[in-house]
Amino acid sequence: AAAQRLGELARGLGLEPSFEHVPVGGDIDLNRPNLVVICG
């Protein structure tokens, strides 16, 4: 729900949201522009 609501806000601001998952184990490439991570 958090990701979808943030995506809706982004579209309204003229941004192009896409969605992905941090895989089990937590390995994710963080060296990318315009990245929002909902994770601890």
PDB file of all heavy atoms in Angstrom:
ATOM      1  N   ALA A   1       0.828  -1.202   0.000  1.00  0.00           N
ATOM      2  CA  ALA A   1       0.000   0.000   0.000  1.00  0.00           C
ATOM      3  C   ALA A   1       0.867   1.258   0.000  1.00  0.00           C
ATOM      4  O   ALA A   1       0.566   2.221  -0.716  1.00  0.00           O
ATOM      5  CB  ALA A   1      -0.925  -0.003   1.221  1.00  0.00           C
ATOM      6  N   ALA A   2       1.944   1.239   0.787  1.00  0.00           N
ATOM      7  CA  ALA A   2       2.831   2.398   0.846  1.00  0.00           C
ATOM      8  C   ALA A   2       3.444   2.674  -0.515  1.00  0.00           C
ATOM      9  O   ALA A   2       3.492   3.826  -0.976  1.00  0.00           O
ATOM     10  CB  ALA A   2       3.922   2.165   1.892  1.00  0.00           C
ATOM     11  N   ALA A   3       3.917   1.627  -1.193  1.00  0.00           N
ATOM     12  CA  ALA A   3       4.544   1.800  -2.499  1.00  0.00           C
ATOM     13  C   ALA A   3       3.532   2.317  -3.524  1.00  0.00           C
ATOM     14  O   ALA A   3       3.842   3.221  -4.315  1.00  0.00           O
ATOM     15  CB  ALA A   3       5.152   0.478  -2.964  1.00  0.00           C
ATOM     16  N   GLN A   4       2.332   1.757  -3.521  1.00  0.00           N
ATOM     17  CA  GLN A   4       1.323   2.175  -4.489  1.00  0.00           C
ATOM     18  C   GLN A   4       0.911   3.631  -4.266  1.00  0.00           C
ATOM     19  O   GLN A   4       0.745   4.402  -5.226  1.00  0.00           O
ATOM     20  CB  GLN A   4       0.102   1.257  -4.412  1.00  0.00           C
ATOM     21  CG  GLN A   4       0.356  -0.168  -4.879  1.00  0.00           C
ATOM     22  CD  GLN A   4       0.760  -0.235  -6.335  1.00  0.00           C
ATOM     23  OE1 GLN A   4       0.274   0.525  -7.173  1.00  0.00           O
ATOM     24  NE2 GLN A   4       1.682  -1.148  -6.648  1.00  0.00           N
ATOM     25  N   ARG A   5       0.746   4.031  -3.023  1.00  0.00           N
ATOM     26  CA  ARG A   5       0.361   5.421  -2.738  1.00  0.00           C
ATOM     27  C   ARG A   5       1.474   6.385  -3.121  1.00  0.00           C
ATOM     28  O   ARG A   5       1.215   7.472  -3.642  1.00  0.00           O
ATOM     29  CB  ARG A   5      -0.001   5.566  -1.262  1.00  0.00           C
ATOM     30  CG  ARG A   5      -1.285   4.840  -0.900  1.00  0.00           C
ATOM     31  CD  ARG A   5      -1.543   4.788   0.593  1.00  0.00           C
ATOM     32  NE  ARG A   5      -2.624   3.862   0.887  1.00  0.00           N
ATOM     33  CZ  ARG A   5      -3.056   3.559   2.103  1.00  0.00           C
ATOM     34  NH1 ARG A   5      -2.499   4.147   3.165  1.00  0.00           N
ATOM     35  NH2 ARG A   5      -4.042   2.693   2.269  1.00  0.00           N
ATOM     36  N   LEU A   6       2.701   5.976  -2.868  1.00  0.00           N
ATOM     37  CA  LEU A   6       3.819   6.823  -3.262  1.00  0.00           C
ATOM     38  C   LEU A   6       3.904   6.918  -4.785  1.00  0.00           C
ATOM     39  O   LEU A   6       4.205   7.982  -5.330  1.00  0.00           O
ATOM     40  CB  LEU A   6       5.123   6.254  -2.695  1.00  0.00           C
ATOM     41  CG  LEU A   6       6.316   7.197  -2.655  1.00  0.00           C
ATOM     42  CD1 LEU A   6       6.032   8.385  -1.739  1.00  0.00           C
ATOM     43  CD2 LEU A   6       7.560   6.455  -2.173  1.00  0.00           C
ATOM     44  N   GLY A   7       3.618   5.803  -5.465  1.00  0.00           N
ATOM     45  CA  GLY A   7       3.616   5.823  -6.919  1.00  0.00           C
ATOM     46  C   GLY A   7       2.545   6.746  -7.477  1.00  0.00           C
ATOM     47  O   GLY A   7       2.775   7.473  -8.462  1.00  0.00           O
ATOM     48  N   GLU A   8       1.357   6.740  -6.878  1.00  0.00           N
ATOM     49  CA  GLU A   8       0.286   7.626  -7.315  1.00  0.00           C
ATOM     50  C   GLU A   8       0.688   9.090  -7.137  1.00  0.00           C
ATOM     51  O   GLU A   8       0.430   9.936  -8.004  1.00  0.00           O
ATOM     52  CB  GLU A   8      -0.989   7.330  -6.532  1.00  0.00           C
ATOM     53  CG  GLU A   8      -1.626   5.981  -6.860  1.00  0.00           C
ATOM     54  CD  GLU A   8      -2.774   5.643  -5.939  1.00  0.00           C
ATOM     55  OE1 GLU A   8      -3.156   6.525  -5.135  1.00  0.00           O
ATOM     56  OE2 GLU A   8      -3.295   4.516  -6.016  1.00  0.00           O
ATOM     57  N   LEU A   9       1.322   9.396  -6.008  1.00  0.00           N
ATOM     58  CA  LEU A   9       1.800  10.752  -5.786  1.00  0.00           C
ATOM     59  C   LEU A   9       2.830  11.128  -6.842  1.00  0.00           C
ATOM     60  O   LEU A   9       2.792  12.234  -7.405  1.00  0.00           O
ATOM     61  CB  LEU A   9       2.413  10.868  -4.387  1.00  0.00           C
ATOM     62  CG  LEU A   9       3.092  12.201  -4.060  1.00  0.00           C
ATOM     63  CD1 LEU A   9       2.071  13.325  -4.016  1.00  0.00           C
ATOM     64  CD2 LEU A   9       3.858  12.103  -2.740  1.00  0.00           C
ATOM     65  N   ALA A  10       3.757  10.214  -7.119  1.00  0.00           N
ATOM     66  CA  ALA A  10       4.805  10.487  -8.098  1.00  0.00           C
ATOM     67  C   ALA A  10       4.221  10.795  -9.475  1.00  0.00           C
ATOM     68  O   ALA A  10       4.655  11.729 -10.158  1.00  0.00           O
ATOM     69  CB  ALA A  10       5.756   9.297  -8.177  1.00  0.00           C
ATOM     70  N   ARG A  11       3.225  10.019  -9.893  1.00  0.00           N
ATOM     71  CA  ARG A  11       2.597  10.273 -11.196  1.00  0.00           C
ATOM     72  C   ARG A  11       1.982  11.664 -11.238  1.00  0.00           C
ATOM     73  O   ARG A  11       2.062  12.364 -12.250  1.00  0.00           O
ATOM     74  CB  ARG A  11       1.520   9.222 -11.477  1.00  0.00           C
ATOM     75  CG  ARG A  11       2.059   7.827 -11.747  1.00  0.00           C
ATOM     76  CD  ARG A  11       0.957   6.880 -12.221  1.00  0.00           C
ATOM     77  NE  ARG A  11       1.435   5.507 -12.245  1.00  0.00           N
ATOM     78  CZ  ARG A  11       1.288   4.638 -11.266  1.00  0.00           C
ATOM     79  NH1 ARG A  11       0.649   5.013 -10.152  1.00  0.00           N
ATOM     80  NH2 ARG A  11       1.757   3.413 -11.365  1.00  0.00           N
ATOM     81  N   GLY A  12       1.338  12.049 -10.144  1.00  0.00           N
ATOM     82  CA  GLY A  12       0.739  13.367 -10.085  1.00  0.00           C
ATOM     83  C   GLY A  12       1.758  14.485 -10.137  1.00  0.00           C
ATOM     84  O   GLY A  12       1.414  15.629 -10.462  1.00  0.00           O
ATOM     85  N   LEU A  13       3.005  14.170  -9.836  1.00  0.00           N
ATOM     86  CA  LEU A  13       4.079  15.162  -9.846  1.00  0.00           C
ATOM     87  C   LEU A  13       4.886  15.116 -11.138  1.00  0.00           C
ATOM     88  O   LEU A  13       5.918  15.771 -11.253  1.00  0.00           O
ATOM     89  CB  LEU A  13       5.010  14.931  -8.655  1.00  0.00           C
ATOM     90  CG  LEU A  13       4.385  15.164  -7.277  1.00  0.00           C
ATOM     91  CD1 LEU A  13       5.278  14.596  -6.182  1.00  0.00           C
ATOM     92  CD2 LEU A  13       4.141  16.657  -7.035  1.00  0.00           C
ATOM     93  N   GLY A  14       4.411  14.315 -12.095  1.00  0.00           N
ATOM     94  CA  GLY A  14       5.103  14.240 -13.372  1.00  0.00           C
ATOM     95  C   GLY A  14       6.250  13.253 -13.412  1.00  0.00           C
ATOM     96  O   GLY A  14       7.047  13.263 -14.352  1.00  0.00           O
ATOM     97  N   LEU A  15       6.362  12.377 -12.405  1.00  0.00           N
ATOM     98  CA  LEU A  15       7.396  11.354 -12.376  1.00  0.00           C
ATOM     99  C   LEU A  15       6.837  10.041 -12.935  1.00  0.00           C
ATOM    100  O   LEU A  15       5.627   9.869 -13.074  1.00  0.00           O
ATOM    101  CB  LEU A  15       7.899  11.146 -10.946  1.00  0.00           C
ATOM    102  CG  LEU A  15       8.445  12.393 -10.235  1.00  0.00           C
ATOM    103  CD1 LEU A  15       8.746  12.090  -8.776  1.00  0.00           C
ATOM    104  CD2 LEU A  15       9.681  12.921 -10.929  1.00  0.00           C
ATOM    105  N   GLU A  16       7.738   9.109 -13.249  1.00  0.00           N
ATOM    106  CA  GLU A  16       7.344   7.819 -13.823  1.00  0.00           C
ATOM    107  C   GLU A  16       7.762   6.708 -12.860  1.00  0.00           C
ATOM    108  O   GLU A  16       8.892   6.228 -12.909  1.00  0.00           O
ATOM    109  CB  GLU A  16       8.005   7.613 -15.182  1.00  0.00           C
ATOM    110  CG  GLU A  16       7.675   8.691 -16.204  1.00  0.00           C
ATOM    111  CD  GLU A  16       8.473   8.519 -17.477  1.00  0.00           C
ATOM    112  OE1 GLU A  16       8.872   7.372 -17.783  1.00  0.00           O
ATOM    113  OE2 GLU A  16       8.717   9.523 -18.163  1.00  0.00           O
ATOM    114  N   PRO A  17       6.852   6.281 -11.960  1.00  0.00           N
ATOM    115  CA  PRO A  17       7.229   5.272 -10.967  1.00  0.00           C
ATOM    116  C   PRO A  17       7.273   3.864 -11.537  1.00  0.00           C
ATOM    117  O   PRO A  17       6.504   3.503 -12.421  1.00  0.00           O
ATOM    118  CB  PRO A  17       6.130   5.395  -9.912  1.00  0.00           C
ATOM    119  CG  PRO A  17       4.933   5.840 -10.696  1.00  0.00           C
ATOM    120  CD  PRO A  17       5.466   6.753 -11.779  1.00  0.00           C
ATOM    121  N   SER A  18       8.194   3.063 -11.026  1.00  0.00           N
ATOM    122  CA  SER A  18       8.222   1.628 -11.278  1.00  0.00           C
ATOM    123  C   SER A  18       8.435   0.940  -9.942  1.00  0.00           C
ATOM    124  O   SER A  18       8.932   1.544  -8.985  1.00  0.00           O
ATOM    125  CB  SER A  18       9.334   1.254 -12.270  1.00  0.00           C
ATOM    126  OG  SER A  18      10.609   1.574 -11.738  1.00  0.00           O
ATOM    127  N   PHE A  19       8.066  -0.334  -9.879  1.00  0.00           N
ATOM    128  CA  PHE A  19       8.061  -1.042  -8.603  1.00  0.00           C
ATOM    129  C   PHE A  19       8.911  -2.306  -8.700  1.00  0.00           C
ATOM    130  O   PHE A  19       8.933  -2.983  -9.720  1.00  0.00           O
ATOM    131  CB  PHE A  19       6.628  -1.398  -8.213  1.00  0.00           C
ATOM    132  CG  PHE A  19       5.708  -0.200  -8.157  1.00  0.00           C
ATOM    133  CD1 PHE A  19       4.951   0.154  -9.265  1.00  0.00           C
ATOM    134  CD2 PHE A  19       5.622   0.577  -7.015  1.00  0.00           C
ATOM    135  CE1 PHE A  19       4.118   1.251  -9.231  1.00  0.00           C
ATOM    136  CE2 PHE A  19       4.794   1.675  -6.970  1.00  0.00           C
ATOM    137  CZ  PHE A  19       4.028   2.028  -8.079  1.00  0.00           C
ATOM    138  N   GLU A  20       9.606  -2.591  -7.620  1.00  0.00           N
ATOM    139  CA  GLU A  20      10.440  -3.790  -7.560  1.00  0.00           C
ATOM    140  C   GLU A  20      10.503  -4.274  -6.118  1.00  0.00           C
ATOM    141  O   GLU A  20      10.008  -3.601  -5.209  1.00  0.00           O
ATOM    142  CB  GLU A  20      11.837  -3.502  -8.088  1.00  0.00           C
ATOM    143  CG  GLU A  20      12.598  -2.455  -7.277  1.00  0.00           C
ATOM    144  CD  GLU A  20      13.950  -2.126  -7.901  1.00  0.00           C
ATOM    145  OE1 GLU A  20      13.985  -1.331  -8.856  1.00  0.00           O
ATOM    146  OE2 GLU A  20      14.958  -2.677  -7.401  1.00  0.00           O
ATOM    147  N   HIS A  21      11.137  -5.440  -5.916  1.00  0.00           N
ATOM    148  CA  HIS A  21      11.253  -6.003  -4.579  1.00  0.00           C
ATOM    149  C   HIS A  21      12.716  -6.128  -4.164  1.00  0.00           C
ATOM    150  O   HIS A  21      13.582  -6.427  -4.987  1.00  0.00           O
ATOM    151  CB  HIS A  21      10.607  -7.391  -4.506  1.00  0.00           C
ATOM    152  CG  HIS A  21       9.119  -7.377  -4.648  1.00  0.00           C
ATOM    153  ND1 HIS A  21       8.308  -6.631  -3.813  1.00  0.00           N
ATOM    154  CD2 HIS A  21       8.298  -8.012  -5.514  1.00  0.00           C
ATOM    155  CE1 HIS A  21       7.048  -6.802  -4.168  1.00  0.00           C
ATOM    156  NE2 HIS A  21       7.011  -7.633  -5.193  1.00  0.00           N
ATOM    157  N   VAL A  22      12.953  -5.879  -2.890  1.00  0.00           N
ATOM    158  CA  VAL A  22      14.211  -6.296  -2.285  1.00  0.00           C
ATOM    159  C   VAL A  22      14.088  -7.796  -2.055  1.00  0.00           C
ATOM    160  O   VAL A  22      13.198  -8.231  -1.321  1.00  0.00           O
ATOM    161  CB  VAL A  22      14.452  -5.576  -0.940  1.00  0.00           C
ATOM    162  CG1 VAL A  22      15.780  -6.038  -0.323  1.00  0.00           C
ATOM    163  CG2 VAL A  22      14.431  -4.071  -1.122  1.00  0.00           C
ATOM    164  N   PRO A  23      14.920  -8.630  -2.679  1.00  0.00           N
ATOM    165  CA  PRO A  23      14.724 -10.080  -2.579  1.00  0.00           C
ATOM    166  C   PRO A  23      14.994 -10.596  -1.168  1.00  0.00           C
ATOM    167  O   PRO A  23      15.637  -9.931  -0.349  1.00  0.00           O
ATOM    168  CB  PRO A  23      15.746 -10.641  -3.573  1.00  0.00           C
ATOM    169  CG  PRO A  23      16.794  -9.580  -3.674  1.00  0.00           C
ATOM    170  CD  PRO A  23      16.080  -8.279  -3.515  1.00  0.00           C
ATOM    171  N   VAL A  24      14.473 -11.780  -0.886  1.00  0.00           N
ATOM    172  CA  VAL A  24      14.794 -12.439   0.372  1.00  0.00           C
ATOM    173  C   VAL A  24      16.316 -12.564   0.465  1.00  0.00           C
ATOM    174  O   VAL A  24      16.978 -12.995  -0.466  1.00  0.00           O
ATOM    175  CB  VAL A  24      14.134 -13.833   0.436  1.00  0.00           C
ATOM    176  CG1 VAL A  24      14.605 -14.583   1.680  1.00  0.00           C
ATOM    177  CG2 VAL A  24      12.618 -13.709   0.425  1.00  0.00           C
ATOM    178  N   GLY A  25      16.879 -12.149   1.582  1.00  0.00           N
ATOM    179  CA  GLY A  25      18.327 -12.068   1.718  1.00  0.00           C
ATOM    180  C   GLY A  25      18.824 -10.642   1.677  1.00  0.00           C
ATOM    181  O   GLY A  25      19.906 -10.329   2.172  1.00  0.00           O
ATOM    182  N   GLY A  26      18.021  -9.743   1.071  1.00  0.00           N
ATOM    183  CA  GLY A  26      18.298  -8.314   1.148  1.00  0.00           C
ATOM    184  C   GLY A  26      19.294  -7.758   0.163  1.00  0.00           C
ATOM    185  O   GLY A  26      19.688  -6.597   0.260  1.00  0.00           O
ATOM    186  N   ASP A  27      19.724  -8.539  -0.824  1.00  0.00           N
ATOM    187  CA  ASP A  27      20.728  -8.067  -1.778  1.00  0.00           C
ATOM    188  C   ASP A  27      20.064  -7.189  -2.836  1.00  0.00           C
ATOM    189  O   ASP A  27      19.261  -7.661  -3.631  1.00  0.00           O
ATOM    190  CB  ASP A  27      21.420  -9.264  -2.438  1.00  0.00           C
ATOM    191  CG  ASP A  27      22.606  -8.844  -3.296  1.00  0.00           C
ATOM    192  OD1 ASP A  27      23.088  -7.718  -3.115  1.00  0.00           O
ATOM    193  OD2 ASP A  27      23.028  -9.641  -4.158  1.00  0.00           O
ATOM    194  N   ILE A  28      20.387  -5.915  -2.864  1.00  0.00           N
ATOM    195  CA  ILE A  28      19.801  -4.973  -3.814  1.00  0.00           C
ATOM    196  C   ILE A  28      20.843  -3.950  -4.222  1.00  0.00           C
ATOM    197  O   ILE A  28      21.677  -3.528  -3.404  1.00  0.00           O
ATOM    198  CB  ILE A  28      18.566  -4.263  -3.211  1.00  0.00           C
ATOM    199  CG1 ILE A  28      17.946  -3.279  -4.229  1.00  0.00           C
ATOM    200  CG2 ILE A  28      18.891  -3.574  -1.894  1.00  0.00           C
ATOM    201  CD1 ILE A  28      16.653  -2.645  -3.760  1.00  0.00           C
ATOM    202  N   ASP A  29      20.817  -3.549  -5.483  1.00  0.00           N
ATOM    203  CA  ASP A  29      21.728  -2.527  -5.994  1.00  0.00           C
ATOM    204  C   ASP A  29      21.196  -1.157  -5.589  1.00  0.00           C
ATOM    205  O   ASP A  29      20.152  -0.720  -6.085  1.00  0.00           O
ATOM    206  CB  ASP A  29      21.832  -2.640  -7.516  1.00  0.00           C
ATOM    207  CG  ASP A  29      22.726  -1.553  -8.120  1.00  0.00           C
ATOM    208  OD1 ASP A  29      23.474  -0.903  -7.361  1.00  0.00           O
ATOM    209  OD2 ASP A  29      22.657  -1.358  -9.354  1.00  0.00           O
ATOM    210  N   LEU A  30      21.899  -0.490  -4.699  1.00  0.00           N
ATOM    211  CA  LEU A  30      21.479   0.824  -4.214  1.00  0.00           C
ATOM    212  C   LEU A  30      22.167   1.964  -4.951  1.00  0.00           C
ATOM    213  O   LEU A  30      21.873   3.130  -4.680  1.00  0.00           O
ATOM    214  CB  LEU A  30      21.766   0.942  -2.712  1.00  0.00           C
ATOM    215  CG  LEU A  30      21.079  -0.091  -1.816  1.00  0.00           C
ATOM    216  CD1 LEU A  30      21.500   0.101  -0.367  1.00  0.00           C
ATOM    217  CD2 LEU A  30      19.564  -0.013  -1.952  1.00  0.00           C
ATOM    218  N   ASN A  31      23.059   1.644  -5.863  1.00  0.00           N
ATOM    219  CA  ASN A  31      23.827   2.672  -6.582  1.00  0.00           C
ATOM    220  C   ASN A  31      23.121   3.071  -7.869  1.00  0.00           C
ATOM    221  O   ASN A  31      23.636   2.918  -8.976  1.00  0.00           O
ATOM    222  CB  ASN A  31      25.242   2.160  -6.877  1.00  0.00           C
ATOM    223  CG  ASN A  31      26.033   1.950  -5.602  1.00  0.00           C
ATOM    224  OD1 ASN A  31      25.941   2.745  -4.672  1.00  0.00           O
ATOM    225  ND2 ASN A  31      26.788   0.867  -5.543  1.00  0.00           N
ATOM    226  N   ARG A  32      21.884   3.590  -7.701  1.00  0.00           N
ATOM    227  CA  ARG A  32      21.070   4.012  -8.828  1.00  0.00           C
ATOM    228  C   ARG A  32      20.400   5.340  -8.503  1.00  0.00           C
ATOM    229  O   ARG A  32      20.074   5.600  -7.346  1.00  0.00           O
ATOM    230  CB  ARG A  32      19.989   2.966  -9.129  1.00  0.00           C
ATOM    231  CG  ARG A  32      20.519   1.636  -9.623  1.00  0.00           C
ATOM    232  CD  ARG A  32      19.374   0.660  -9.800  1.00  0.00           C
ATOM    233  NE  ARG A  32      18.913   0.113  -8.530  1.00  0.00           N
ATOM    234  CZ  ARG A  32      17.702  -0.426  -8.347  1.00  0.00           C
ATOM    235  NH1 ARG A  32      16.825  -0.416  -9.332  1.00  0.00           N
ATOM    236  NH2 ARG A  32      17.374  -0.941  -7.180  1.00  0.00           N
ATOM    237  N   PRO A  33      20.172   6.177  -9.500  1.00  0.00           N
ATOM    238  CA  PRO A  33      19.484   7.447  -9.233  1.00  0.00           C
ATOM    239  C   PRO A  33      18.001   7.233  -9.008  1.00  0.00           C
ATOM    240  O   PRO A  33      17.421   6.235  -9.445  1.00  0.00           O
ATOM    241  CB  PRO A  33      19.745   8.260 -10.507  1.00  0.00           C
ATOM    242  CG  PRO A  33      19.890   7.222 -11.579  1.00  0.00           C
ATOM    243  CD  PRO A  33      20.584   6.057 -10.909  1.00  0.00           C
ATOM    244  N   ASN A  34      17.389   8.177  -8.301  1.00  0.00           N
ATOM    245  CA  ASN A  34      15.931   8.222  -8.138  1.00  0.00           C
ATOM    246  C   ASN A  34      15.384   6.916  -7.573  1.00  0.00           C
ATOM    247  O   ASN A  34      14.445   6.327  -8.110  1.00  0.00           O
ATOM    248  CB  ASN A  34      15.262   8.547  -9.473  1.00  0.00           C
ATOM    249  CG  ASN A  34      15.814   9.811 -10.105  1.00  0.00           C
ATOM    250  OD1 ASN A  34      15.941  10.834  -9.443  1.00  0.00           O
ATOM    251  ND2 ASN A  34      16.172   9.736 -11.369  1.00  0.00           N
ATOM    252  N   LEU A  35      15.964   6.484  -6.462  1.00  0.00           N
ATOM    253  CA  LEU A  35      15.577   5.222  -5.826  1.00  0.00           C
ATOM    254  C   LEU A  35      14.987   5.498  -4.449  1.00  0.00           C
ATOM    255  O   LEU A  35      15.567   6.245  -3.652  1.00  0.00           O
ATOM    256  CB  LEU A  35      16.793   4.311  -5.693  1.00  0.00           C
ATOM    257  CG  LEU A  35      16.587   2.956  -4.988  1.00  0.00           C
ATOM    258  CD1 LEU A  35      15.618   2.083  -5.780  1.00  0.00           C
ATOM    259  CD2 LEU A  35      17.929   2.249  -4.814  1.00  0.00           C
ATOM    260  N   VAL A  36      13.826   4.895  -4.183  1.00  0.00           N
ATOM    261  CA  VAL A  36      13.195   4.938  -2.868  1.00  0.00           C
ATOM    262  C   VAL A  36      13.100   3.509  -2.365  1.00  0.00           C
ATOM    263  O   VAL A  36      12.538   2.645  -3.046  1.00  0.00           O
ATOM    264  CB  VAL A  36      11.797   5.573  -2.921  1.00  0.00           C
ATOM    265  CG1 VAL A  36      11.144   5.535  -1.535  1.00  0.00           C
ATOM    266  CG2 VAL A  36      11.866   7.004  -3.440  1.00  0.00           C
ATOM    267  N   VAL A  37      13.636   3.238  -1.178  1.00  0.00           N
ATOM    268  CA  VAL A  37      13.639   1.891  -0.622  1.00  0.00           C
ATOM    269  C   VAL A  37      12.846   1.887   0.683  1.00  0.00           C
ATOM    270  O   VAL A  37      13.177   2.634   1.614  1.00  0.00           O
ATOM    271  CB  VAL A  37      15.075   1.381  -0.371  1.00  0.00           C
ATOM    272  CG1 VAL A  37      15.039  -0.031   0.187  1.00  0.00           C
ATOM    273  CG2 VAL A  37      15.884   1.411  -1.656  1.00  0.00           C
ATOM    274  N   ILE A  38      11.791   1.073   0.723  1.00  0.00           N
ATOM    275  CA  ILE A  38      10.979   0.939   1.944  1.00  0.00           C
ATOM    276  C   ILE A  38      11.467  -0.323   2.643  1.00  0.00           C
ATOM    277  O   ILE A  38      10.928  -1.419   2.454  1.00  0.00           O
ATOM    278  CB  ILE A  38       9.485   0.858   1.593  1.00  0.00           C
ATOM    279  CG1 ILE A  38       9.072   2.035   0.704  1.00  0.00           C
ATOM    280  CG2 ILE A  38       8.639   0.835   2.867  1.00  0.00           C
ATOM    281  CD1 ILE A  38       7.642   1.945   0.184  1.00  0.00           C
ATOM    282  N   CYS A  39      12.488  -0.187   3.449  1.00  0.00           N
ATOM    283  CA  CYS A  39      13.152  -1.366   4.009  1.00  0.00           C
ATOM    284  C   CYS A  39      14.023  -0.952   5.178  1.00  0.00           C
ATOM    285  O   CYS A  39      14.549   0.165   5.200  1.00  0.00           O
ATOM    286  CB  CYS A  39      14.001  -2.040   2.920  1.00  0.00           C
ATOM    287  SG  CYS A  39      14.825  -3.566   3.422  1.00  0.00           S
ATOM    288  N   GLY A  40      14.180  -1.861   6.148  1.00  0.00           N
ATOM    289  CA  GLY A  40      14.990  -1.580   7.313  1.00  0.00           C
ATOM    290  C   GLY A  40      16.205  -2.466   7.415  1.00  0.00           C
ATOM    291  O   GLY A  40      16.453  -3.322   6.555  1.00  0.00           O
TER     292      GLY A  40
END
